[in-house]
C-alpha atoms as a PDB file:
ATOM      1  CA  UNK A   1      -9.859 -66.456 -20.002  1.00  0.00           C
ATOM      2  CA  UNK A   2     -10.150 -66.678 -16.252  1.00  0.00           C
ATOM      3  CA  UNK A   3      -6.516 -65.562 -15.890  1.00  0.00           C
ATOM      4  CA  UNK A   4      -7.148 -62.666 -18.181  1.00  0.00           C
ATOM      5  CA  UNK A   5     -10.103 -61.490 -16.005  1.00  0.00           C
ATOM      6  CA  UNK A   6      -7.980 -61.574 -12.943  1.00  0.00           C
ATOM      7  CA  UNK A   7      -5.233 -59.554 -14.659  1.00  0.00           C
ATOM      8  CA  UNK A   8      -7.734 -57.055 -16.047  1.00  0.00           C
ATOM      9  CA  UNK A   9      -9.311 -56.772 -12.545  1.00  0.00           C
ATOM     10  CA  UNK A  10      -5.914 -56.080 -11.023  1.00  0.00           C
ATOM     11  CA  UNK A  11      -5.181 -53.430 -13.683  1.00  0.00           C
ATOM     12  CA  UNK A  12      -8.377 -51.688 -12.953  1.00  0.00           C
ATOM     13  CA  UNK A  13      -7.602 -51.586  -9.210  1.00  0.00           C
ATOM     14  CA  UNK A  14      -4.181 -50.243  -9.960  1.00  0.00           C
ATOM     15  CA  UNK A  15      -5.648 -47.559 -12.361  1.00  0.00           C
ATOM     16  CA  UNK A  16      -8.146 -46.495  -9.743  1.00  0.00           C
ATOM     17  CA  UNK A  17      -5.374 -46.195  -7.069  1.00  0.00           C
ATOM     18  CA  UNK A  18      -3.318 -44.010  -9.423  1.00  0.00           C
ATOM     19  CA  UNK A  19      -6.422 -41.776 -10.003  1.00  0.00           C
ATOM     20  CA  UNK A  20      -7.181 -41.480  -6.364  1.00  0.00           C
ATOM     21  CA  UNK A  21      -3.489 -40.571  -5.594  1.00  0.00           C
ATOM     22  CA  UNK A  22      -3.477 -37.916  -8.280  1.00  0.00           C
ATOM     23  CA  UNK A  23      -6.701 -36.451  -6.923  1.00  0.00           C
ATOM     24  CA  UNK A  24      -5.253 -36.275  -3.441  1.00  0.00           C
ATOM     25  CA  UNK A  25      -1.944 -34.553  -4.736  1.00  0.00           C
ATOM     26  CA  UNK A  26      -4.063 -32.124  -6.885  1.00  0.00           C
ATOM     27  CA  UNK A  27      -6.384 -31.255  -3.871  1.00  0.00           C
ATOM     28  CA  UNK A  28      -3.389 -30.732  -1.602  1.00  0.00           C
ATOM     29  CA  UNK A  29      -1.637 -28.369  -4.066  1.00  0.00           C
ATOM     30  CA  UNK A  30      -4.813 -26.432  -4.899  1.00  0.00           C
ATOM     31  CA  UNK A  31      -5.489 -25.903  -1.219  1.00  0.00           C
ATOM     32  CA  UNK A  32      -1.959 -24.377  -0.654  1.00  0.00           C
ATOM     33  CA  UNK A  33      -2.226 -22.165  -3.713  1.00  0.00           C
ATOM     34  CA  UNK A  34      -5.701 -20.830  -2.889  1.00  0.00           C
ATOM     35  CA  UNK A  35      -5.321 -20.512   0.913  1.00  0.00           C
ATOM     36  CA  UNK A  36      -1.694 -19.686   1.452  1.00  0.00           C
ATOM     37  CA  UNK A  37       0.018 -16.431   1.159  1.00  0.00           C
ATOM     38  CA  UNK A  38       1.050 -16.922  -2.611  1.00  0.00           C
ATOM     39  CA  UNK A  39      -2.311 -17.235  -4.222  1.00  0.00           C
ATOM     40  CA  UNK A  40      -2.406 -16.601  -7.942  1.00  0.00           C
ATOM     41  CA  UNK A  41      -6.090 -17.341  -8.511  1.00  0.00           C
ATOM     42  CA  UNK A  42      -8.599 -14.708  -9.474  1.00  0.00           C
ATOM     43  CA  UNK A  43     -11.382 -14.103  -6.811  1.00  0.00           C
ATOM     44  CA  UNK A  44     -14.286 -16.554  -7.246  1.00  0.00           C
ATOM     45  CA  UNK A  45     -17.678 -16.828  -5.690  1.00  0.00           C
ATOM     46  CA  UNK A  46     -17.009 -19.136  -2.788  1.00  0.00           C
ATOM     47  CA  UNK A  47     -16.247 -19.112   0.890  1.00  0.00           C
ATOM     48  CA  UNK A  48     -12.936 -20.159   2.339  1.00  0.00           C
ATOM     49  CA  UNK A  49     -13.096 -23.179   4.618  1.00  0.00           C
ATOM     50  CA  UNK A  50     -11.917 -21.941   8.019  1.00  0.00           C
ATOM     51  CA  UNK A  51     -10.365 -25.345   8.768  1.00  0.00           C
ATOM     52  CA  UNK A  52      -8.134 -25.038   5.643  1.00  0.00           C
ATOM     53  CA  UNK A  53      -7.283 -21.391   6.359  1.00  0.00           C
ATOM     54  CA  UNK A  54      -4.402 -21.828   8.850  1.00  0.00           C
ATOM     55  CA  UNK A  55      -1.749 -20.188   6.680  1.00  0.00           C
ATOM     56  CA  UNK A  56      -3.677 -17.004   5.728  1.00  0.00           C
ATOM     57  CA  UNK A  57      -1.563 -13.751   5.846  1.00  0.00           C
ATOM     58  CA  UNK A  58      -1.901 -11.660   9.065  1.00  0.00           C
ATOM     59  CA  UNK A  59      -2.675  -8.049   7.860  1.00  0.00           C
ATOM     60  CA  UNK A  60      -0.042  -6.474  10.184  1.00  0.00           C
ATOM     61  CA  UNK A  61       0.285  -3.304   8.114  1.00  0.00           C
ATOM     62  CA  UNK A  62      -2.466  -2.123   5.780  1.00  0.00           C
ATOM     63  CA  UNK A  63      -2.784   0.792   3.334  1.00  0.00           C
ATOM     64  CA  UNK A  64      -6.259   1.922   3.072  1.00  0.00           C
ATOM     65  CA  UNK A  65      -6.890   4.114  -0.093  1.00  0.00           C
ATOM     66  CA  UNK A  66     -10.280   5.233   0.837  1.00  0.00           C
ATOM     67  CA  UNK A  67     -10.646   7.808  -1.969  1.00  0.00           C
ATOM     68  CA  UNK A  68      -9.238   8.138  -5.368  1.00  0.00           C
ATOM     69  CA  UNK A  69      -9.929  11.790  -5.849  1.00  0.00           C
ATOM     70  CA  UNK A  70      -7.049  14.136  -5.940  1.00  0.00           C
ATOM     71  CA  UNK A  71      -6.312  17.830  -6.518  1.00  0.00           C
ATOM     72  CA  UNK A  72      -2.868  17.169  -8.091  1.00  0.00           C
ATOM     73  CA  UNK A  73      -2.141  15.648 -11.421  1.00  0.00           C
ATOM     74  CA  UNK A  74       1.118  13.849 -10.836  1.00  0.00           C
ATOM     75  CA  UNK A  75       2.038  12.195 -14.217  1.00  0.00           C
ATOM     76  CA  UNK A  76       3.206   8.889 -12.732  1.00  0.00           C
ATOM     77  CA  UNK A  77       0.325   8.380 -10.279  1.00  0.00           C
ATOM     78  CA  UNK A  78      -0.568   4.691  -9.940  1.00  0.00           C
ATOM     79  CA  UNK A  79      -3.752   5.095  -7.949  1.00  0.00           C
ATOM     80  CA  UNK A  80      -5.935   7.339  -9.993  1.00  0.00           C
ATOM     81  CA  UNK A  81      -9.414   8.824  -9.806  1.00  0.00           C
ATOM     82  CA  UNK A  82     -11.172   5.969 -11.672  1.00  0.00           C
ATOM     83  CA  UNK A  83     -14.132   6.345  -9.247  1.00  0.00           C
ATOM     84  CA  UNK A  84     -15.370   9.024  -6.759  1.00  0.00           C
ATOM     85  CA  UNK A  85     -16.737   6.465  -4.326  1.00  0.00           C
ATOM     86  CA  UNK A  86     -16.068   6.665  -0.614  1.00  0.00           C
ATOM     87  CA  UNK A  87     -17.568   4.309   1.920  1.00  0.00           C
ATOM     88  CA  UNK A  88     -19.888   5.797   4.575  1.00  0.00           C
ATOM     89  CA  UNK A  89     -18.043   6.434   7.782  1.00  0.00           C
ATOM     90  CA  UNK A  90     -19.758   3.608   9.780  1.00  0.00           C
ATOM     91  CA  UNK A  91     -18.924   1.044   7.002  1.00  0.00           C
ATOM     92  CA  UNK A  92     -15.325   2.179   6.956  1.00  0.00           C
ATOM     93  CA  UNK A  93     -15.083   1.790  10.680  1.00  0.00           C
ATOM     94  CA  UNK A  94     -16.613  -1.714  10.492  1.00  0.00           C
ATOM     95  CA  UNK A  95     -13.921  -2.810   8.009  1.00  0.00           C
ATOM     96  CA  UNK A  96     -11.128  -1.326  10.137  1.00  0.00           C
ATOM     97  CA  UNK A  97     -12.496  -3.189  13.218  1.00  0.00           C
ATOM     98  CA  UNK A  98     -12.382  -6.486  11.103  1.00  0.00           C
ATOM     99  CA  UNK A  99      -8.821  -5.863  10.207  1.00  0.00           C
ATOM    100  CA  UNK A 100      -7.884  -5.102  13.805  1.00  0.00           C
ATOM    101  CA  UNK A 101      -9.541  -8.417  14.853  1.00  0.00           C
ATOM    102  CA  UNK A 102      -7.438 -10.119  12.261  1.00  0.00           C
ATOM    103  CA  UNK A 103      -4.180  -8.754  13.545  1.00  0.00           C
ATOM    104  CA  UNK A 104      -3.593  -5.365  12.071  1.00  0.00           C
ATOM    105  CA  UNK A 105      -1.161  -3.226  14.036  1.00  0.00           C
ATOM    106  CA  UNK A 106      -0.673  -0.319  11.604  1.00  0.00           C
ATOM    107  CA  UNK A 107      -3.007   1.452   9.352  1.00  0.00           C
ATOM    108  CA  UNK A 108      -1.959   3.947   6.638  1.00  0.00           C
ATOM    109  CA  UNK A 109      -4.550   6.210   5.160  1.00  0.00           C
ATOM    110  CA  UNK A 110      -3.906   7.342   1.505  1.00  0.00           C
ATOM    111  CA  UNK A 111      -5.665   8.218  -1.716  1.00  0.00           C
ATOM    112  CA  UNK A 112      -5.917  10.076  -4.003  1.00  0.00           C
ATOM    113  CA  UNK A 113      -5.567  12.881  -1.499  1.00  0.00           C
ATOM    114  CA  UNK A 114      -6.964  11.806   1.878  1.00  0.00           C
ATOM    115  CA  UNK A 115      -7.537  15.360   3.079  1.00  0.00           C
ATOM    116  CA  UNK A 116      -9.739  16.271   0.231  1.00  0.00           C
ATOM    117  CA  UNK A 117     -12.938  14.395   1.368  1.00  0.00           C
ATOM    118  CA  UNK A 118     -15.074  16.425   3.714  1.00  0.00           C
ATOM    119  CA  UNK A 119     -11.927  18.787   4.177  1.00  0.00           C
ATOM    120  CA  UNK A 120     -10.176  16.198   6.235  1.00  0.00           C
ATOM    121  CA  UNK A 121     -12.931  15.614   8.861  1.00  0.00           C
ATOM    122  CA  UNK A 122     -13.561  12.190   7.435  1.00  0.00           C
ATOM    123  CA  UNK A 123      -9.968  11.253   7.668  1.00  0.00           C
ATOM    124  CA  UNK A 124      -9.624  12.760  11.183  1.00  0.00           C
ATOM    125  CA  UNK A 125     -12.542  10.620  12.511  1.00  0.00           C
ATOM    126  CA  UNK A 126     -10.918   7.419  11.087  1.00  0.00           C
ATOM    127  CA  UNK A 127      -7.666   8.389  12.657  1.00  0.00           C
ATOM    128  CA  UNK A 128      -9.429   8.980  16.032  1.00  0.00           C
ATOM    129  CA  UNK A 129     -11.266   5.724  15.731  1.00  0.00           C
ATOM    130  CA  UNK A 130      -8.248   3.706  15.031  1.00  0.00           C
ATOM    131  CA  UNK A 131      -6.189   5.141  17.866  1.00  0.00           C
ATOM    132  CA  UNK A 132      -8.863   5.662  20.563  1.00  0.00           C
ATOM    133  CA  UNK A 133     -11.340   2.815  19.870  1.00  0.00           C
ATOM    134  CA  UNK A 134      -9.173   0.155  18.149  1.00  0.00           C
ATOM    135  CA  UNK A 135      -6.048   1.319  19.977  1.00  0.00           C
ATOM    136  CA  UNK A 136      -3.730   0.596  17.086  1.00  0.00           C
ATOM    137  CA  UNK A 137       0.012   0.986  17.918  1.00  0.00           C
ATOM    138  CA  UNK A 138       0.488   3.028  14.660  1.00  0.00           C
ATOM    139  CA  UNK A 139      -1.834   5.284  12.558  1.00  0.00           C
ATOM    140  CA  UNK A 140      -0.275   7.120   9.603  1.00  0.00           C
ATOM    141  CA  UNK A 141      -1.290   9.240   6.584  1.00  0.00           C
ATOM    142  CA  UNK A 142       0.294   9.822   3.135  1.00  0.00           C
ATOM    143  CA  UNK A 143      -0.763  13.138   1.674  1.00  0.00           C
ATOM    144  CA  UNK A 144       0.425  15.782  -0.834  1.00  0.00           C
ATOM    145  CA  UNK A 145       0.015  18.236   1.977  1.00  0.00           C
ATOM    146  CA  UNK A 146      -1.917  20.999   0.002  1.00  0.00           C
ATOM    147  CA  UNK A 147      -5.042  20.608   1.919  1.00  0.00           C
ATOM    148  CA  UNK A 148      -3.783  20.420   5.440  1.00  0.00           C
ATOM    149  CA  UNK A 149      -4.720  23.155   7.950  1.00  0.00           C
ATOM    150  CA  UNK A 150      -3.225  23.795  11.419  1.00  0.00           C
ATOM    151  CA  UNK A 151      -6.720  23.258  12.955  1.00  0.00           C
ATOM    152  CA  UNK A 152      -6.676  19.587  11.775  1.00  0.00           C
ATOM    153  CA  UNK A 153      -3.551  18.997  13.882  1.00  0.00           C
ATOM    154  CA  UNK A 154      -5.241  20.843  16.791  1.00  0.00           C
ATOM    155  CA  UNK A 155      -8.237  18.521  16.525  1.00  0.00           C
ATOM    156  CA  UNK A 156      -6.720  15.143  15.452  1.00  0.00           C
ATOM    157  CA  UNK A 157      -2.910  15.421  15.884  1.00  0.00           C
ATOM    158  CA  UNK A 158      -2.720  13.596  19.269  1.00  0.00           C
ATOM    159  CA  UNK A 159      -4.011  10.368  17.545  1.00  0.00           C
ATOM    160  CA  UNK A 160      -1.741  10.507  14.539  1.00  0.00           C
ATOM    161  CA  UNK A 161       1.760   8.705  14.706  1.00  0.00           C
ATOM    162  CA  UNK A 162       3.205   9.522  11.208  1.00  0.00           C
ATOM    163  CA  UNK A 163       2.407  12.060   8.463  1.00  0.00           C
ATOM    164  CA  UNK A 164       4.173  11.401   5.186  1.00  0.00           C
ATOM    165  CA  UNK A 165       4.220  14.232   2.663  1.00  0.00           C
ATOM    166  CA  UNK A 166       4.962  13.394  -0.839  1.00  0.00           C
ATOM    167  CA  UNK A 167       7.704  15.638  -2.391  1.00  0.00           C
ATOM    168  CA  UNK A 168       9.521  14.669  -5.543  1.00  0.00           C
ATOM    169  CA  UNK A 169      11.741  17.755  -6.107  1.00  0.00           C
ATOM    170  CA  UNK A 170      12.873  20.780  -4.206  1.00  0.00           C
ATOM    171  CA  UNK A 171      12.804  22.642  -7.462  1.00  0.00           C
ATOM    172  CA  UNK A 172       9.459  24.269  -8.125  1.00  0.00           C
ATOM    173  CA  UNK A 173       9.577  24.127 -11.899  1.00  0.00           C
ATOM    174  CA  UNK A 174      10.263  20.371 -11.673  1.00  0.00           C
ATOM    175  CA  UNK A 175       7.252  19.911  -9.378  1.00  0.00           C
ATOM    176  CA  UNK A 176       5.171  21.761 -11.984  1.00  0.00           C
ATOM    177  CA  UNK A 177       6.471  19.417 -14.769  1.00  0.00           C
ATOM    178  CA  UNK A 178       5.656  16.381 -12.729  1.00  0.00           C
ATOM    179  CA  UNK A 179       2.132  17.635 -11.781  1.00  0.00           C
ATOM    180  CA  UNK A 180       2.993  17.865  -8.057  1.00  0.00           C
ATOM    181  CA  UNK A 181       1.458  21.279  -7.841  1.00  0.00           C
ATOM    182  CA  UNK A 182      -1.795  23.230  -7.552  1.00  0.00           C
ATOM    183  CA  UNK A 183      -1.762  26.463  -9.409  1.00  0.00           C
ATOM    184  CA  UNK A 184       1.193  28.700  -8.400  1.00  0.00           C
ATOM    185  CA  UNK A 185       1.411  27.534  -4.861  1.00  0.00           C
ATOM    186  CA  UNK A 186       4.817  26.579  -3.579  1.00  0.00           C
ATOM    187  CA  UNK A 187       4.747  22.838  -2.794  1.00  0.00           C
ATOM    188  CA  UNK A 188       8.189  23.118  -1.019  1.00  0.00           C
ATOM    189  CA  UNK A 189       7.100  26.088   1.133  1.00  0.00           C
ATOM    190  CA  UNK A 190       4.040  24.145   2.166  1.00  0.00           C
ATOM    191  CA  UNK A 191       6.238  21.095   2.932  1.00  0.00           C
ATOM    192  CA  UNK A 192       8.269  23.267   5.400  1.00  0.00           C
ATOM    193  CA  UNK A 193       5.096  24.584   7.058  1.00  0.00           C
ATOM    194  CA  UNK A 194       3.775  21.153   7.555  1.00  0.00           C
ATOM    195  CA  UNK A 195       7.079  20.068   9.037  1.00  0.00           C
ATOM    196  CA  UNK A 196       6.890  22.751  11.654  1.00  0.00           C
ATOM    197  CA  UNK A 197       3.266  21.688  12.626  1.00  0.00           C
ATOM    198  CA  UNK A 198       4.372  18.109  12.969  1.00  0.00           C
ATOM    199  CA  UNK A 199       7.063  19.279  15.396  1.00  0.00           C
ATOM    200  CA  UNK A 200       4.590  21.478  17.319  1.00  0.00           C
ATOM    201  CA  UNK A 201       1.891  18.871  17.501  1.00  0.00           C
ATOM    202  CA  UNK A 202       4.092  15.906  18.091  1.00  0.00           C
ATOM    203  CA  UNK A 203       3.486  13.990  14.808  1.00  0.00           C
ATOM    204  CA  UNK A 204       6.386  12.082  13.314  1.00  0.00           C
ATOM    205  CA  UNK A 205       7.243  13.573   9.954  1.00  0.00           C
ATOM    206  CA  UNK A 206       8.099  11.572   6.838  1.00  0.00           C
ATOM    207  CA  UNK A 207       8.882  12.303   3.247  1.00  0.00           C
ATOM    208  CA  UNK A 208       7.959  10.132   0.169  1.00  0.00           C
ATOM    209  CA  UNK A 209       9.572  10.701  -3.190  1.00  0.00           C
ATOM    210  CA  UNK A 210       9.067   9.046  -6.630  1.00  0.00           C
ATOM    211  CA  UNK A 211      12.246   9.010  -8.676  1.00  0.00           C
ATOM    212  CA  UNK A 212      11.607   9.617 -12.361  1.00  0.00           C
ATOM    213  CA  UNK A 213      13.050  11.152 -15.456  1.00  0.00           C
ATOM    214  CA  UNK A 214      12.438  14.710 -14.246  1.00  0.00           C
ATOM    215  CA  UNK A 215      14.213  14.364 -10.867  1.00  0.00           C
ATOM    216  CA  UNK A 216      16.648  11.622 -11.286  1.00  0.00           C
ATOM    217  CA  UNK A 217      19.641  13.852 -11.597  1.00  0.00           C
ATOM    218  CA  UNK A 218      18.714  16.066  -8.544  1.00  0.00           C
ATOM    219  CA  UNK A 219      20.688  16.098  -5.305  1.00  0.00           C
ATOM    220  CA  UNK A 220      18.232  16.404  -2.482  1.00  0.00           C
ATOM    221  CA  UNK A 221      20.709  15.654   0.338  1.00  0.00           C
ATOM    222  CA  UNK A 222      20.831  19.165   1.802  1.00  0.00           C
ATOM    223  CA  UNK A 223      17.064  19.625   1.756  1.00  0.00           C
ATOM    224  CA  UNK A 224      16.355  16.307   3.314  1.00  0.00           C
ATOM    225  CA  UNK A 225      18.954  16.657   6.092  1.00  0.00           C
ATOM    226  CA  UNK A 226      17.401  20.206   6.919  1.00  0.00           C
ATOM    227  CA  UNK A 227      13.951  18.751   7.047  1.00  0.00           C
ATOM    228  CA  UNK A 228      15.064  15.781   9.077  1.00  0.00           C
ATOM    229  CA  UNK A 229      12.233  13.358   8.486  1.00  0.00           C
ATOM    230  CA  UNK A 230      12.112  10.139  10.630  1.00  0.00           C
ATOM    231  CA  UNK A 231      11.992   8.306   7.245  1.00  0.00           C
ATOM    232  CA  UNK A 232      12.634   9.276   3.625  1.00  0.00           C
ATOM    233  CA  UNK A 233      10.937   6.758   1.351  1.00  0.00           C
ATOM    234  CA  UNK A 234      12.472   6.748  -2.175  1.00  0.00           C
ATOM    235  CA  UNK A 235      10.502   4.911  -4.781  1.00  0.00           C
ATOM    236  CA  UNK A 236      11.348   3.907  -8.297  1.00  0.00           C
ATOM    237  CA  UNK A 237       8.531   4.978 -10.812  1.00  0.00           C
ATOM    238  CA  UNK A 238       6.173   2.058 -11.258  1.00  0.00           C
ATOM    239  CA  UNK A 239       3.939   1.184 -14.024  1.00  0.00           C
ATOM    240  CA  UNK A 240       0.560  -0.290 -13.332  1.00  0.00           C
ATOM    241  CA  UNK A 241      -1.735  -1.310 -16.137  1.00  0.00           C
ATOM    242  CA  UNK A 242      -5.085   0.401 -15.961  1.00  0.00           C
ATOM    243  CA  UNK A 243      -3.786   3.143 -13.683  1.00  0.00           C
ATOM    244  CA  UNK A 244      -0.795   4.812 -15.345  1.00  0.00           C
ATOM    245  CA  UNK A 245      -0.196   2.608 -18.291  1.00  0.00           C
ATOM    246  CA  UNK A 246      -2.470   0.911 -21.011  1.00  0.00           C
ATOM    247  CA  UNK A 247      -5.474   2.016 -22.986  1.00  0.00           C
ATOM    248  CA  UNK A 248      -7.826   2.397 -19.987  1.00  0.00           C
ATOM    249  CA  UNK A 249      -5.377   4.325 -17.780  1.00  0.00           C
ATOM    250  CA  UNK A 250      -5.901   8.013 -16.736  1.00  0.00           C
ATOM    251  CA  UNK A 251      -2.178   8.571 -16.780  1.00  0.00           C
ATOM    252  CA  UNK A 252       0.608   7.779 -19.206  1.00  0.00           C
ATOM    253  CA  UNK A 253       3.661   7.230 -17.074  1.00  0.00           C
ATOM    254  CA  UNK A 254       5.877   5.617 -19.672  1.00  0.00           C
ATOM    255  CA  UNK A 255       7.854   8.882 -20.115  1.00  0.00           C
ATOM    256  CA  UNK A 256       8.541   9.003 -16.296  1.00  0.00           C
ATOM    257  CA  UNK A 257      10.066   5.551 -15.997  1.00  0.00           C
ATOM    258  CA  UNK A 258      13.828   5.217 -15.201  1.00  0.00           C
ATOM    259  CA  UNK A 259      16.074   2.242 -15.413  1.00  0.00           C
ATOM    260  CA  UNK A 260      17.323   0.273 -12.397  1.00  0.00           C
ATOM    261  CA  UNK A 261      20.847   1.622 -12.991  1.00  0.00           C
ATOM    262  CA  UNK A 262      19.693   5.246 -12.900  1.00  0.00           C
ATOM    263  CA  UNK A 263      17.747   4.476  -9.745  1.00  0.00           C
ATOM    264  CA  UNK A 264      20.781   2.967  -8.104  1.00  0.00           C
ATOM    265  CA  UNK A 265      22.858   6.018  -9.104  1.00  0.00           C
ATOM    266  CA  UNK A 266      20.245   8.320  -7.312  1.00  0.00           C
ATOM    267  CA  UNK A 267      20.566   6.081  -4.169  1.00  0.00           C
ATOM    268  CA  UNK A 268      24.332   6.160  -4.202  1.00  0.00           C
ATOM    269  CA  UNK A 269      24.240   9.988  -4.582  1.00  0.00           C
ATOM    270  CA  UNK A 270      22.146  10.030  -1.384  1.00  0.00           C
ATOM    271  CA  UNK A 271      23.905   7.374   0.493  1.00  0.00           C
ATOM    272  CA  UNK A 272      24.938   9.811   3.245  1.00  0.00           C
ATOM    273  CA  UNK A 273      21.315  10.537   4.192  1.00  0.00           C
ATOM    274  CA  UNK A 274      20.659   8.328   7.160  1.00  0.00           C
ATOM    275  CA  UNK A 275      16.825   8.286   6.997  1.00  0.00           C
ATOM    276  CA  UNK A 276      16.889   7.035   3.428  1.00  0.00           C
ATOM    277  CA  UNK A 277      14.585   3.974   2.763  1.00  0.00           C
ATOM    278  CA  UNK A 278      14.907   2.890  -0.847  1.00  0.00           C
ATOM    279  CA  UNK A 279      12.286   0.861  -2.758  1.00  0.00           C
ATOM    280  CA  UNK A 280      12.787  -0.445  -6.212  1.00  0.00           C
ATOM    281  CA  UNK A 281       9.993  -1.718  -8.398  1.00  0.00           C
ATOM    282  CA  UNK A 282      10.877  -5.301  -7.327  1.00  0.00           C
ATOM    283  CA  UNK A 283      10.615  -4.356  -3.561  1.00  0.00           C
ATOM    284  CA  UNK A 284       7.427  -2.356  -3.927  1.00  0.00           C
ATOM    285  CA  UNK A 285       5.218  -4.159  -6.353  1.00  0.00           C
ATOM    286  CA  UNK A 286       3.846  -7.015  -4.128  1.00  0.00           C
ATOM    287  CA  UNK A 287       5.050  -5.955  -0.581  1.00  0.00           C
ATOM    288  CA  UNK A 288       2.097  -3.752   0.359  1.00  0.00           C
ATOM    289  CA  UNK A 289      -1.415  -4.787   1.541  1.00  0.00           C
ATOM    290  CA  UNK A 290      -3.592  -2.401  -0.357  1.00  0.00           C
ATOM    291  CA  UNK A 291      -7.224  -1.825   0.262  1.00  0.00           C
ATOM    292  CA  UNK A 292      -9.147   0.154  -2.325  1.00  0.00           C
ATOM    293  CA  UNK A 293     -12.118   2.469  -1.688  1.00  0.00           C
ATOM    294  CA  UNK A 294     -14.477  -0.629  -1.616  1.00  0.00           C
ATOM    295  CA  UNK A 295     -12.176  -2.318   0.935  1.00  0.00           C
ATOM    296  CA  UNK A 296     -10.962  -4.941  -1.550  1.00  0.00           C
ATOM    297  CA  UNK A 297      -7.357  -6.086  -1.422  1.00  0.00           C
ATOM    298  CA  UNK A 298      -5.460  -5.283  -4.773  1.00  0.00           C
ATOM    299  CA  UNK A 299      -3.168  -7.872  -6.325  1.00  0.00           C
ATOM    300  CA  UNK A 300      -0.469  -6.199  -8.330  1.00  0.00           C
ATOM    301  CA  UNK A 301       1.553  -9.314  -9.360  1.00  0.00           C
ATOM    302  CA  UNK A 302       0.441  -9.274 -12.990  1.00  0.00           C
ATOM    303  CA  UNK A 303       1.339  -5.630 -13.306  1.00  0.00           C
ATOM    304  CA  UNK A 304      -2.235  -4.452 -12.722  1.00  0.00           C
ATOM    305  CA  UNK A 305      -4.569  -4.167  -9.738  1.00  0.00           C
ATOM    306  CA  UNK A 306      -6.893  -7.159  -9.602  1.00  0.00           C
ATOM    307  CA  UNK A 307      -9.315  -6.759  -6.668  1.00  0.00           C
ATOM    308  CA  UNK A 308     -10.443  -9.315  -4.207  1.00  0.00           C
ATOM    309  CA  UNK A 309     -14.064  -9.286  -2.807  1.00  0.00           C
ATOM    310  CA  UNK A 310     -14.697  -6.662  -0.135  1.00  0.00           C
ATOM    311  CA  UNK A 311     -13.725  -7.632   3.349  1.00  0.00           C
ATOM    312  CA  UNK A 312     -17.112  -6.251   4.333  1.00  0.00           C
ATOM    313  CA  UNK A 313     -18.727  -9.017   2.335  1.00  0.00           C
ATOM    314  CA  UNK A 314     -16.508 -12.067   2.798  1.00  0.00           C
ATOM    315  CA  UNK A 315     -14.217 -11.115   5.792  1.00  0.00           C
ATOM    316  CA  UNK A 316     -10.552 -10.512   5.932  1.00  0.00           C
ATOM    317  CA  UNK A 317      -9.404 -14.084   5.823  1.00  0.00           C
ATOM    318  CA  UNK A 318     -11.051 -14.900   2.516  1.00  0.00           C
ATOM    319  CA  UNK A 319     -10.265 -11.603   0.882  1.00  0.00           C
ATOM    320  CA  UNK A 320      -6.562 -11.581   1.905  1.00  0.00           C
ATOM    321  CA  UNK A 321      -6.046 -14.880   0.024  1.00  0.00           C
ATOM    322  CA  UNK A 322      -6.303 -12.852  -3.267  1.00  0.00           C
ATOM    323  CA  UNK A 323      -4.016  -9.878  -2.213  1.00  0.00           C
ATOM    324  CA  UNK A 324      -0.784 -11.351  -3.822  1.00  0.00           C
ATOM    325  CA  UNK A 325       0.982 -10.025  -0.692  1.00  0.00           C
ATOM    326  CA  UNK A 326       4.674 -11.071  -0.439  1.00  0.00           C
ATOM    327  CA  UNK A 327       5.331 -11.137   3.279  1.00  0.00           C
ATOM    328  CA  UNK A 328       9.068 -11.899   2.880  1.00  0.00           C
ATOM    329  CA  UNK A 329       9.555  -8.990   0.658  1.00  0.00           C
ATOM    330  CA  UNK A 330       7.645  -6.817   3.096  1.00  0.00           C
ATOM    331  CA  UNK A 331      10.017  -7.584   5.826  1.00  0.00           C
ATOM    332  CA  UNK A 332      13.069  -7.482   3.529  1.00  0.00           C
ATOM    333  CA  UNK A 333      12.228  -3.892   2.496  1.00  0.00           C
ATOM    334  CA  UNK A 334      11.953  -2.883   6.184  1.00  0.00           C
ATOM    335  CA  UNK A 335       8.171  -2.775   6.219  1.00  0.00           C
ATOM    336  CA  UNK A 336       8.259  -3.586  10.008  1.00  0.00           C
ATOM    337  CA  UNK A 337       9.890  -0.692  11.928  1.00  0.00           C
ATOM    338  CA  UNK A 338       9.397   1.425  14.945  1.00  0.00           C
ATOM    339  CA  UNK A 339       6.091   2.882  13.746  1.00  0.00           C
ATOM    340  CA  UNK A 340       4.457   4.188  16.972  1.00  0.00           C
ATOM    341  CA  UNK A 341       5.477   7.796  17.966  1.00  0.00           C
ATOM    342  CA  UNK A 342       5.402   6.675  21.555  1.00  0.00           C
ATOM    343  CA  UNK A 343       8.406   4.407  20.841  1.00  0.00           C
ATOM    344  CA  UNK A 344      10.333   6.690  18.549  1.00  0.00           C
ATOM    345  CA  UNK A 345      11.902   8.779  21.532  1.00  0.00           C
ATOM    346  CA  UNK A 346      11.684  11.883  19.421  1.00  0.00           C
ATOM    347  CA  UNK A 347      12.725  15.359  20.771  1.00  0.00           C
ATOM    348  CA  UNK A 348       9.660  17.610  20.192  1.00  0.00           C
END
């Protein structure tokens, strides 16, 4: 009996050792998953321990979609007008300052249509603040171009590095089919007008195009070479549940989706365009740090946009753990480039 007691005692000690070891392993793995750059956890009500937060992503380049409202109705839009909320200017500036303090070098303002709110003055004040007060190396905007006036360039152009205009076709009926239009106004004519303003007011000009079933057979080479943007970003049409796909979506983009093969054929057709920067769904989905109108990072890894808590409430380091950001893919797709107009050596 005495021997049995000793054996039992040793077995209990061994069992406890195994339990403690498993706890240590689990805690280590859990810490890496929650606080590293590959977090798959949904946001929960807690604070990140700063001592365990050494591997948090640096928000080098951030896309701030401060408004969801838009005057266009592009059928494939994957950031739709689900709310009309826009942060007060002071709150938006507070968040931008937090991002700068966390390492942000480039801010891109988008929407919705960013020139729609307060006729572009809200956007202009954010641009000025980021360049003059925060002294960011790069401040850029993505717009459909329909609301931009020359007086905006006169007032805010000095502080803007890059203006990207979305244009999916150089055929007006195609733009109408896509929804990239407002009434009978010519989207292409407006694109050329904005190109000339960018040249006049020394703003680097960029074009974004979403390749879909309506424009996949188009040859845009001549038009792009004529406009000569610093970059031509070419995206494959992407489905996001709750935005342009699914029961709660405001768009039904399934009919716009093209295969990887068709996308590659489009790229091959335009391989002679030196400023072409292609982005397939694989490259695009998780390689952007996206802030919504509440300054929440959006995680797109599950094919939808799962929000973190706002950086205004929990800070950048905690919120960014739930961004789903793939930094390696960000670098692989060329996310880091010469993005300050002062370094582009452009001939104005």
